Amino acid sequence: MQRERINRYTSIVVVAKRARQIIDGVPPVVTGAATKPVTIAIEELESGKIHWNQKKPV
């Protein structure tokens, strides 16, 4: 299965929202050496563990 490519803006928003969840206490879904929430969120995005629904403009 080929992963669809997302644009930079979307990936930044997704990582920022996920990092906020991690800061608020939601446990990370990947294990690694990273300790900063943004770095953890980036690793989750790169590994394909973050899923989101993109709304189409009206």
Foldseek 3Di string as FASTA:
>chain_A
DDDDDDDPVVLVVQLVVQLVVVVVPDDQPDDDDDDRSSVSSVVCVVVVNDDDDDDDDD
